Amino acid sequence: MVGPELLWADVYATAAVARGADALDWLAALDGYAALLVDAAGRVRATPNWPGSRAAAQTRAA
């Protein structure tokens, strides 16, 4: 989670964990913030505005 305000980045990251599977769509809608998520299976997903946007398409083997 990156963004202009550290406090809100932390709040959003914590909320994303609580949201579960739909967190990426929710995070993508947050103006000015970007997120990179790794799920329990090791899949890496990112919001479209994540720095180095290739990360959104990467996956890793578990």
Foldseek 3Di string as FASTA:
>chain_A
DDFDDPVVLVVLVVVLVVVPPCSQVVQLPDPGDKDWDQDPQGQIAIRCPPVPNVRRVDGDGD
